[in-house]
Amino acid sequence: MALFRRGTAGKPGEWYYCIKHQKVEEGPECRAADRLGPYASPEEAARAIETSRERNEQWRNDPRWRDEEPPATG
């Protein structure tokens, strides 16, 4: 008896973008490591790469995540 199931996870009605196959998929078609999502619609899933780029850019410019040293006082 296997301890870990080697399958896909997800449900029909959930939409994903598979980065391996570069396509929108409904439910558990590809393994979770190759998917972005879930998304509410196929249109949202189709924008997954663009959404990811936009979020990365926002995080890069977020002052709360800068590794800069604070100015010296005194």
Protein backbone atom coordinates (compact mmCIF):
# COMPACT_ATOMS: atom_id res chain seq x y z
CA MET A 1 0.00 0.00 0.00
CA ALA A 2 1.46 3.33 -1.05
CA LEU A 3 1.74 6.07 1.52
CA PHE A 4 1.50 8.88 -1.02
CA ARG A 5 -0.81 8.99 -3.97
CA ARG A 6 0.86 10.07 -7.20
CA GLY A 7 -2.00 11.79 -8.87
CA THR A 8 -3.36 15.17 -9.69
CA ALA A 9 -5.38 17.30 -7.31
CA GLY A 10 -8.21 19.60 -8.23
CA LYS A 11 -11.88 19.50 -9.04
CA PRO A 12 -13.92 19.86 -12.20
CA GLY A 13 -15.11 23.46 -12.45
CA GLU A 14 -11.74 24.78 -11.27
CA TRP A 15 -9.59 26.22 -14.02
CA TYR A 16 -5.81 26.04 -14.20
CA TYR A 17 -3.04 27.13 -16.53
CA CYS A 18 -0.53 24.36 -17.21
CA ILE A 19 2.93 25.90 -17.62
CA LYS A 20 4.31 22.65 -19.05
CA HIS A 21 1.77 22.37 -21.88
CA GLN A 22 1.00 26.12 -22.03
CA LYS A 23 -2.75 25.63 -22.04
CA VAL A 24 -5.85 26.15 -19.91
CA GLU A 25 -7.18 23.01 -18.23
CA GLU A 26 -10.29 22.23 -16.25
CA GLY A 27 -9.85 20.20 -13.10
CA PRO A 28 -7.04 17.75 -12.45
CA GLU A 29 -5.37 17.15 -15.79
CA CYS A 30 -1.70 17.84 -15.00
CA ARG A 31 0.26 17.55 -11.77
CA ALA A 32 0.03 20.43 -9.32
CA ALA A 33 3.71 21.40 -9.75
CA ASP A 34 3.00 22.27 -13.40
CA ARG A 35 -0.17 24.34 -12.81
CA LEU A 36 -1.12 27.86 -11.80
CA GLY A 37 -4.50 28.27 -10.20
CA PRO A 38 -7.23 27.51 -9.47
CA TYR A 39 -9.07 30.29 -11.25
CA ALA A 40 -12.81 30.94 -11.42
CA SER A 41 -13.00 30.94 -15.23
CA PRO A 42 -11.04 29.79 -18.27
CA GLU A 43 -10.46 33.46 -19.17
CA GLU A 44 -8.76 34.12 -15.83
CA ALA A 45 -6.65 30.98 -16.23
CA ALA A 46 -5.60 32.10 -19.72
CA ARG A 47 -4.16 35.29 -18.14
CA ALA A 48 -2.23 33.36 -15.47
CA ILE A 49 1.25 34.21 -16.77
CA GLU A 50 0.35 37.88 -17.23
CA THR A 51 -1.22 38.00 -13.75
CA SER A 52 1.88 36.40 -12.30
CA ARG A 53 4.16 38.96 -13.98
CA GLU A 54 2.00 41.83 -12.73
CA ARG A 55 2.10 40.52 -9.15
CA ASN A 56 5.86 39.97 -9.30
CA GLU A 57 6.33 43.56 -10.44
CA GLN A 58 4.14 44.85 -7.60
CA TRP A 59 6.11 42.83 -5.06
CA ARG A 60 9.45 44.00 -6.50
CA ASN A 61 8.37 47.61 -5.99
CA ASP A 62 6.75 47.13 -2.57
CA PRO A 63 8.82 49.07 0.00
CA ARG A 64 7.92 46.53 2.70
CA TRP A 65 10.03 43.91 0.89
CA ARG A 66 13.19 45.92 0.25
CA ASP A 67 16.45 44.61 1.70
CA GLU A 68 17.98 48.07 1.92
CA GLU A 69 19.55 49.18 5.17
CA PRO A 70 17.68 51.96 7.00
CA PRO A 71 19.49 55.32 7.06
CA ALA A 72 21.97 55.73 9.93
CA THR A 73 20.89 58.07 12.71
CA GLY A 74 23.03 60.07 14.92
